[in-house]
Amino acid sequence: TTIVWDKKSGKPVYNAIVWQCRRTAPICDQLKKKGLAEIIQKKTGLVVDAYFSGTKIKWILDNVSGVREKAEKRFELRFE
């Protein structure tokens, strides 16, 4: 399960995305099509799969209004 929250308020910026959620499968498919699966596995020890947190965080950054700006410009977010 993945949560991204605002470090100032302590509140989540979006609902938790549980480990079973497959909404990030298209992101995984894109990574594989770009030939990144092998390097990701070498660096992390994990296969590219929607089960893991990385693509869930990307989904939140890409789909929740204002979240990417908070992460990139003001470093106001934390994740778990």
PDB file of N, CA and C in Angstrom:
ATOM      1  N   THR A   1       0.849  -1.181   0.000  1.00  0.00           N
ATOM      2  CA  THR A   1       0.000   0.000   0.000  1.00  0.00           C
ATOM      3  C   THR A   1       0.889   1.237   0.000  1.00  0.00           C
ATOM      4  N   THR A   2       0.510   2.219  -0.810  1.00  0.00           N
ATOM      5  CA  THR A   2       1.314   3.426  -0.986  1.00  0.00           C
ATOM      6  C   THR A   2       0.504   4.657  -0.599  1.00  0.00           C
ATOM      7  N   ILE A   3       1.152   5.530   0.173  1.00  0.00           N
ATOM      8  CA  ILE A   3       0.533   6.794   0.578  1.00  0.00           C
ATOM      9  C   ILE A   3       1.530   7.916   0.312  1.00  0.00           C
ATOM     10  N   VAL A   4       1.046   9.012  -0.247  1.00  0.00           N
ATOM     11  CA  VAL A   4       1.843  10.228  -0.403  1.00  0.00           C
ATOM     12  C   VAL A   4       1.145  11.295   0.424  1.00  0.00           C
ATOM     13  N   TRP A   5       1.914  11.962   1.288  1.00  0.00           N
ATOM     14  CA  TRP A   5       1.279  12.969   2.126  1.00  0.00           C
ATOM     15  C   TRP A   5       2.073  14.270   2.133  1.00  0.00           C
ATOM     16  N   ASP A   6       1.372  15.326   2.505  1.00  0.00           N
ATOM     17  CA  ASP A   6       1.933  16.662   2.635  1.00  0.00           C
ATOM     18  C   ASP A   6       2.687  16.725   3.959  1.00  0.00           C
ATOM     19  N   LYS A   7       3.982  17.043   3.901  1.00  0.00           N
ATOM     20  CA  LYS A   7       4.776  17.018   5.131  1.00  0.00           C
ATOM     21  C   LYS A   7       4.410  18.140   6.097  1.00  0.00           C
ATOM     22  N   LYS A   8       3.823  19.226   5.599  1.00  0.00           N
ATOM     23  CA  LYS A   8       3.427  20.323   6.489  1.00  0.00           C
ATOM     24  C   LYS A   8       2.144  20.001   7.245  1.00  0.00           C
ATOM     25  N   SER A   9       1.147  19.508   6.531  1.00  0.00           N
ATOM     26  CA  SER A   9      -0.149  19.239   7.164  1.00  0.00           C
ATOM     27  C   SER A   9      -0.230  17.834   7.751  1.00  0.00           C
ATOM     28  N   GLY A  10       0.596  16.925   7.228  1.00  0.00           N
ATOM     29  CA  GLY A  10       0.524  15.534   7.663  1.00  0.00           C
ATOM     30  C   GLY A  10      -0.641  14.772   7.049  1.00  0.00           C
ATOM     31  N   LYS A  11      -1.348  15.409   6.118  1.00  0.00           N
ATOM     32  CA  LYS A  11      -2.517  14.777   5.499  1.00  0.00           C
ATOM     33  C   LYS A  11      -2.145  14.176   4.149  1.00  0.00           C
ATOM     34  N   PRO A  12      -2.778  13.060   3.801  1.00  0.00           N
ATOM     35  CA  PRO A  12      -2.503  12.463   2.490  1.00  0.00           C
ATOM     36  C   PRO A  12      -3.001  13.380   1.373  1.00  0.00           C
ATOM     37  N   VAL A  13      -2.272  13.371   0.253  1.00  0.00           N
ATOM     38  CA  VAL A  13      -2.693  14.170  -0.901  1.00  0.00           C
ATOM     39  C   VAL A  13      -3.693  13.404  -1.755  1.00  0.00           C
ATOM     40  N   TYR A  14      -3.822  12.111  -1.490  1.00  0.00           N
ATOM     41  CA  TYR A  14      -4.734  11.237  -2.224  1.00  0.00           C
ATOM     42  C   TYR A  14      -4.957  10.005  -1.356  1.00  0.00           C
ATOM     43  N   ASN A  15      -5.992   9.277  -1.661  1.00  0.00           N
ATOM     44  CA  ASN A  15      -6.253   8.042  -0.921  1.00  0.00           C
ATOM     45  C   ASN A  15      -5.103   7.054  -1.097  1.00  0.00           C
ATOM     46  N   ALA A  16      -4.908   6.196  -0.115  1.00  0.00           N
ATOM     47  CA  ALA A  16      -3.903   5.140  -0.229  1.00  0.00           C
ATOM     48  C   ALA A  16      -4.238   4.255  -1.424  1.00  0.00           C
ATOM     49  N   ILE A  17      -3.197   3.828  -2.132  1.00  0.00           N
ATOM     50  CA  ILE A  17      -3.380   2.870  -3.223  1.00  0.00           C
ATOM     51  C   ILE A  17      -2.867   1.533  -2.713  1.00  0.00           C
ATOM     52  N   VAL A  18      -3.763   0.575  -2.613  1.00  0.00           N
ATOM     53  CA  VAL A  18      -3.403  -0.719  -2.027  1.00  0.00           C
ATOM     54  C   VAL A  18      -2.557  -1.543  -2.986  1.00  0.00           C
ATOM     55  N   TRP A  19      -1.832  -2.488  -2.428  1.00  0.00           N
ATOM     56  CA  TRP A  19      -0.884  -3.276  -3.215  1.00  0.00           C
ATOM     57  C   TRP A  19      -1.544  -4.072  -4.335  1.00  0.00           C
ATOM     58  N   GLN A  20      -2.811  -4.431  -4.175  1.00  0.00           N
ATOM     59  CA  GLN A  20      -3.501  -5.229  -5.196  1.00  0.00           C
ATOM     60  C   GLN A  20      -3.958  -4.402  -6.394  1.00  0.00           C
ATOM     61  N   CYS A  21      -3.979  -3.091  -6.271  1.00  0.00           N
ATOM     62  CA  CYS A  21      -4.490  -2.214  -7.328  1.00  0.00           C
ATOM     63  C   CYS A  21      -3.624  -2.327  -8.584  1.00  0.00           C
ATOM     64  N   ARG A  22      -4.269  -2.501  -9.724  1.00  0.00           N
ATOM     65  CA  ARG A  22      -3.564  -2.688 -10.996  1.00  0.00           C
ATOM     66  C   ARG A  22      -3.648  -1.455 -11.899  1.00  0.00           C
ATOM     67  N   ARG A  23      -4.096  -0.311 -11.378  1.00  0.00           N
ATOM     68  CA  ARG A  23      -4.255   0.872 -12.234  1.00  0.00           C
ATOM     69  C   ARG A  23      -2.932   1.343 -12.836  1.00  0.00           C
ATOM     70  N   THR A  24      -1.813   0.936 -12.259  1.00  0.00           N
ATOM     71  CA  THR A  24      -0.522   1.377 -12.792  1.00  0.00           C
ATOM     72  C   THR A  24       0.097   0.371 -13.761  1.00  0.00           C
ATOM     73  N   ALA A  25      -0.635  -0.661 -14.117  1.00  0.00           N
ATOM     74  CA  ALA A  25      -0.122  -1.640 -15.088  1.00  0.00           C
ATOM     75  C   ALA A  25       0.290  -0.984 -16.409  1.00  0.00           C
ATOM     76  N   PRO A  26      -0.459   0.006 -16.935  1.00  0.00           N
ATOM     77  CA  PRO A  26      -0.008   0.659 -18.175  1.00  0.00           C
ATOM     78  C   PRO A  26       1.355   1.356 -18.028  1.00  0.00           C
ATOM     79  N   ILE A  27       1.641   1.898 -16.860  1.00  0.00           N
ATOM     80  CA  ILE A  27       2.950   2.511 -16.617  1.00  0.00           C
ATOM     81  C   ILE A  27       4.029   1.433 -16.691  1.00  0.00           C
ATOM     82  N   CYS A  28       3.763   0.293 -16.085  1.00  0.00           N
ATOM     83  CA  CYS A  28       4.706  -0.831 -16.135  1.00  0.00           C
ATOM     84  C   CYS A  28       4.927  -1.278 -17.573  1.00  0.00           C
ATOM     85  N   ASP A  29       3.858  -1.357 -18.337  1.00  0.00           N
ATOM     86  CA  ASP A  29       3.968  -1.751 -19.748  1.00  0.00           C
ATOM     87  C   ASP A  29       4.839  -0.765 -20.524  1.00  0.00           C
ATOM     88  N   GLN A  30       4.683   0.525 -20.248  1.00  0.00           N
ATOM     89  CA  GLN A  30       5.504   1.543 -20.920  1.00  0.00           C
ATOM     90  C   GLN A  30       6.984   1.367 -20.577  1.00  0.00           C
ATOM     91  N   LEU A  31       7.269   1.113 -19.314  1.00  0.00           N
ATOM     92  CA  LEU A  31       8.658   0.900 -18.903  1.00  0.00           C
ATOM     93  C   LEU A  31       9.260  -0.303 -19.622  1.00  0.00           C
ATOM     94  N   LYS A  32       8.477  -1.366 -19.721  1.00  0.00           N
ATOM     95  CA  LYS A  32       8.949  -2.568 -20.412  1.00  0.00           C
ATOM     96  C   LYS A  32       9.169  -2.298 -21.893  1.00  0.00           C
ATOM     97  N   LYS A  33       8.246  -1.584 -22.530  1.00  0.00           N
ATOM     98  CA  LYS A  33       8.377  -1.261 -23.960  1.00  0.00           C
ATOM     99  C   LYS A  33       9.604  -0.396 -24.236  1.00  0.00           C
ATOM    100  N   LYS A  34       9.970   0.430 -23.272  1.00  0.00           N
ATOM    101  CA  LYS A  34      11.161   1.273 -23.417  1.00  0.00           C
ATOM    102  C   LYS A  34      12.449   0.497 -23.134  1.00  0.00           C
ATOM    103  N   GLY A  35      12.311  -0.780 -22.767  1.00  0.00           N
ATOM    104  CA  GLY A  35      13.480  -1.612 -22.501  1.00  0.00           C
ATOM    105  C   GLY A  35      14.121  -1.363 -21.149  1.00  0.00           C
ATOM    106  N   LEU A  36      13.357  -0.850 -20.203  1.00  0.00           N
ATOM    107  CA  LEU A  36      13.903  -0.492 -18.891  1.00  0.00           C
ATOM    108  C   LEU A  36      13.746  -1.576 -17.833  1.00  0.00           C
ATOM    109  N   ALA A  37      13.055  -2.651 -18.148  1.00  0.00           N
ATOM    110  CA  ALA A  37      12.782  -3.685 -17.143  1.00  0.00           C
ATOM    111  C   ALA A  37      14.063  -4.282 -16.571  1.00  0.00           C
ATOM    112  N   GLU A  38      15.025  -4.560 -17.426  1.00  0.00           N
ATOM    113  CA  GLU A  38      16.262  -5.197 -16.963  1.00  0.00           C
ATOM    114  C   GLU A  38      17.056  -4.285 -16.036  1.00  0.00           C
ATOM    115  N   ILE A  39      17.205  -3.024 -16.410  1.00  0.00           N
ATOM    116  CA  ILE A  39      17.975  -2.106 -15.562  1.00  0.00           C
ATOM    117  C   ILE A  39      17.263  -1.848 -14.234  1.00  0.00           C
ATOM    118  N   ILE A  40      15.938  -1.768 -14.275  1.00  0.00           N
ATOM    119  CA  ILE A  40      15.184  -1.590 -13.030  1.00  0.00           C
ATOM    120  C   ILE A  40      15.390  -2.794 -12.121  1.00  0.00           C
ATOM    121  N   GLN A  41      15.344  -3.979 -12.684  1.00  0.00           N
ATOM    122  CA  GLN A  41      15.548  -5.183 -11.875  1.00  0.00           C
ATOM    123  C   GLN A  41      16.969  -5.239 -11.317  1.00  0.00           C
ATOM    124  N   LYS A  42      17.958  -4.851 -12.116  1.00  0.00           N
ATOM    125  CA  LYS A  42      19.345  -4.850 -11.634  1.00  0.00           C
ATOM    126  C   LYS A  42      19.533  -3.865 -10.484  1.00  0.00           C
ATOM    127  N   LYS A  43      18.903  -2.698 -10.595  1.00  0.00           N
ATOM    128  CA  LYS A  43      19.089  -1.664  -9.569  1.00  0.00           C
ATOM    129  C   LYS A  43      18.272  -1.911  -8.307  1.00  0.00           C
ATOM    130  N   THR A  44      17.095  -2.507  -8.468  1.00  0.00           N
ATOM    131  CA  THR A  44      16.198  -2.657  -7.315  1.00  0.00           C
ATOM    132  C   THR A  44      16.060  -4.091  -6.822  1.00  0.00           C
ATOM    133  N   GLY A  45      16.368  -5.039  -7.694  1.00  0.00           N
ATOM    134  CA  GLY A  45      16.135  -6.444  -7.361  1.00  0.00           C
ATOM    135  C   GLY A  45      14.685  -6.857  -7.566  1.00  0.00           C
ATOM    136  N   LEU A  46      13.878  -5.951  -8.105  1.00  0.00           N
ATOM    137  CA  LEU A  46      12.452  -6.208  -8.294  1.00  0.00           C
ATOM    138  C   LEU A  46      12.105  -6.232  -9.777  1.00  0.00           C
ATOM    139  N   VAL A  47      11.132  -7.036 -10.123  1.00  0.00           N
ATOM    140  CA  VAL A  47      10.615  -7.008 -11.487  1.00  0.00           C
ATOM    141  C   VAL A  47       9.681  -5.806 -11.620  1.00  0.00           C
ATOM    142  N   VAL A  48       9.476  -5.356 -12.849  1.00  0.00           N
ATOM    143  CA  VAL A  48       8.538  -4.257 -13.090  1.00  0.00           C
ATOM    144  C   VAL A  48       7.132  -4.828 -12.982  1.00  0.00           C
ATOM    145  N   ASP A  49       6.396  -4.375 -11.970  1.00  0.00           N
ATOM    146  CA  ASP A  49       5.042  -4.868 -11.742  1.00  0.00           C
ATOM    147  C   ASP A  49       4.256  -3.818 -10.966  1.00  0.00           C
ATOM    148  N   ALA A  50       2.979  -3.713 -11.247  1.00  0.00           N
ATOM    149  CA  ALA A  50       2.109  -2.737 -10.577  1.00  0.00           C
ATOM    150  C   ALA A  50       1.965  -3.005  -9.081  1.00  0.00           C
ATOM    151  N   TYR A  51       2.409  -4.146  -8.632  1.00  0.00           N
ATOM    152  CA  TYR A  51       2.383  -4.510  -7.217  1.00  0.00           C
ATOM    153  C   TYR A  51       3.225  -3.538  -6.379  1.00  0.00           C
ATOM    154  N   PHE A  52       4.298  -3.019  -6.956  1.00  0.00           N
ATOM    155  CA  PHE A  52       5.266  -2.225  -6.203  1.00  0.00           C
ATOM    156  C   PHE A  52       4.918  -0.732  -6.188  1.00  0.00           C
ATOM    157  N   SER A  53       5.513  -0.005  -5.251  1.00  0.00           N
ATOM    158  CA  SER A  53       5.151   1.390  -4.969  1.00  0.00           C
ATOM    159  C   SER A  53       5.569   2.409  -6.015  1.00  0.00           C
ATOM    160  N   GLY A  54       6.662   2.178  -6.704  1.00  0.00           N
ATOM    161  CA  GLY A  54       7.195   3.193  -7.619  1.00  0.00           C
ATOM    162  C   GLY A  54       6.191   3.699  -8.633  1.00  0.00           C
ATOM    163  N   THR A  55       5.497   2.771  -9.284  1.00  0.00           N
ATOM    164  CA  THR A  55       4.530   3.201 -10.296  1.00  0.00           C
ATOM    165  C   THR A  55       3.284   3.812  -9.662  1.00  0.00           C
ATOM    166  N   LYS A  56       2.980   3.419  -8.450  1.00  0.00           N
ATOM    167  CA  LYS A  56       1.843   4.021  -7.749  1.00  0.00           C
ATOM    168  C   LYS A  56       2.137   5.494  -7.423  1.00  0.00           C
ATOM    169  N   ILE A  57       3.373   5.767  -7.003  1.00  0.00           N
ATOM    170  CA  ILE A  57       3.765   7.151  -6.732  1.00  0.00           C
ATOM    171  C   ILE A  57       3.725   7.966  -8.024  1.00  0.00           C
ATOM    172  N   LYS A  58       4.239   7.402  -9.110  1.00  0.00           N
ATOM    173  CA  LYS A  58       4.173   8.096 -10.406  1.00  0.00           C
ATOM    174  C   LYS A  58       2.732   8.387 -10.791  1.00  0.00           C
ATOM    175  N   TRP A  59       1.844   7.441 -10.584  1.00  0.00           N
ATOM    176  CA  TRP A  59       0.438   7.645 -10.925  1.00  0.00           C
ATOM    177  C   TRP A  59      -0.127   8.829 -10.140  1.00  0.00           C
ATOM    178  N   ILE A  60       0.163   8.897  -8.851  1.00  0.00           N
ATOM    179  CA  ILE A  60      -0.322  10.009  -8.027  1.00  0.00           C
ATOM    180  C   ILE A  60       0.260  11.328  -8.537  1.00  0.00           C
ATOM    181  N   LEU A  61       1.557  11.363  -8.820  1.00  0.00           N
ATOM    182  CA  LEU A  61       2.184  12.579  -9.339  1.00  0.00           C
ATOM    183  C   LEU A  61       1.558  13.025 -10.654  1.00  0.00           C
ATOM    184  N   ASP A  62       1.213  12.074 -11.500  1.00  0.00           N
ATOM    185  CA  ASP A  62       0.664  12.382 -12.824  1.00  0.00           C
ATOM    186  C   ASP A  62      -0.828  12.702 -12.819  1.00  0.00           C
ATOM    187  N   ASN A  63      -1.563  12.223 -11.828  1.00  0.00           N
ATOM    188  CA  ASN A  63      -3.024  12.288 -11.892  1.00  0.00           C
ATOM    189  C   ASN A  63      -3.718  13.111 -10.817  1.00  0.00           C
ATOM    190  N   VAL A  64      -3.004  13.541  -9.801  1.00  0.00           N
ATOM    191  CA  VAL A  64      -3.625  14.325  -8.735  1.00  0.00           C
ATOM    192  C   VAL A  64      -3.144  15.772  -8.867  1.00  0.00           C
ATOM    193  N   SER A  65      -4.073  16.665  -9.055  1.00  0.00           N
ATOM    194  CA  SER A  65      -3.772  18.072  -9.312  1.00  0.00           C
ATOM    195  C   SER A  65      -2.890  18.689  -8.222  1.00  0.00           C
ATOM    196  N   GLY A  66      -1.815  19.358  -8.653  1.00  0.00           N
ATOM    197  CA  GLY A  66      -0.940  20.086  -7.747  1.00  0.00           C
ATOM    198  C   GLY A  66       0.114  19.259  -7.049  1.00  0.00           C
ATOM    199  N   VAL A  67       0.022  17.960  -7.131  1.00  0.00           N
ATOM    200  CA  VAL A  67       0.943  17.098  -6.382  1.00  0.00           C
ATOM    201  C   VAL A  67       2.358  17.143  -6.963  1.00  0.00           C
ATOM    202  N   ARG A  68       2.481  17.062  -8.275  1.00  0.00           N
ATOM    203  CA  ARG A  68       3.819  17.095  -8.885  1.00  0.00           C
ATOM    204  C   ARG A  68       4.539  18.402  -8.536  1.00  0.00           C
ATOM    205  N   GLU A  69       3.833  19.517  -8.570  1.00  0.00           N
ATOM    206  CA  GLU A  69       4.448  20.805  -8.228  1.00  0.00           C
ATOM    207  C   GLU A  69       4.958  20.795  -6.790  1.00  0.00           C
ATOM    208  N   LYS A  70       4.162  20.267  -5.879  1.00  0.00           N
ATOM    209  CA  LYS A  70       4.602  20.191  -4.484  1.00  0.00           C
ATOM    210  C   LYS A  70       5.852  19.334  -4.348  1.00  0.00           C
ATOM    211  N   ALA A  71       5.926  18.280  -5.127  1.00  0.00           N
ATOM    212  CA  ALA A  71       7.074  17.379  -5.053  1.00  0.00           C
ATOM    213  C   ALA A  71       8.321  17.996  -5.683  1.00  0.00           C
ATOM    214  N   GLU A  72       8.165  18.610  -6.844  1.00  0.00           N
ATOM    215  CA  GLU A  72       9.320  19.086  -7.605  1.00  0.00           C
ATOM    216  C   GLU A  72       9.815  20.462  -7.188  1.00  0.00           C
ATOM    217  N   LYS A  73       8.921  21.368  -6.910  1.00  0.00           N
ATOM    218  CA  LYS A  73       9.326  22.748  -6.663  1.00  0.00           C
ATOM    219  C   LYS A  73       9.491  23.079  -5.191  1.00  0.00           C
ATOM    220  N   ARG A  74       8.695  22.454  -4.377  1.00  0.00           N
ATOM    221  CA  ARG A  74       8.715  22.849  -2.966  1.00  0.00           C
ATOM    222  C   ARG A  74       9.110  21.714  -2.028  1.00  0.00           C
ATOM    223  N   PHE A  75       9.316  20.526  -2.553  1.00  0.00           N
ATOM    224  CA  PHE A  75       9.728  19.377  -1.748  1.00  0.00           C
ATOM    225  C   PHE A  75       8.855  19.192  -0.509  1.00  0.00           C
ATOM    226  N   GLU A  76       7.537  19.318  -0.714  1.00  0.00           N
ATOM    227  CA  GLU A  76       6.602  19.287   0.404  1.00  0.00           C
ATOM    228  C   GLU A  76       5.956  17.932   0.645  1.00  0.00           C
ATOM    229  N   LEU A  77       6.395  16.904  -0.052  1.00  0.00           N
ATOM    230  CA  LEU A  77       5.720  15.611   0.069  1.00  0.00           C
ATOM    231  C   LEU A  77       6.620  14.545   0.658  1.00  0.00           C
ATOM    232  N   ARG A  78       5.984  13.566   1.236  1.00  0.00           N
ATOM    233  CA  ARG A  78       6.642  12.360   1.738  1.00  0.00           C
ATOM    234  C   ARG A  78       5.844  11.182   1.217  1.00  0.00           C
ATOM    235  N   PHE A  79       6.466  10.032   1.157  1.00  0.00           N
ATOM    236  CA  PHE A  79       5.730   8.841   0.744  1.00  0.00           C
ATOM    237  C   PHE A  79       6.146   7.648   1.576  1.00  0.00           C
ATOM    238  N   GLU A  80       5.252   6.685   1.592  1.00  0.00           N
ATOM    239  CA  GLU A  80       5.503   5.450   2.336  1.00  0.00           C
ATOM    240  C   GLU A  80       4.817   4.316   1.642  1.00  0.00           C
TER     241      GLU A  80
END
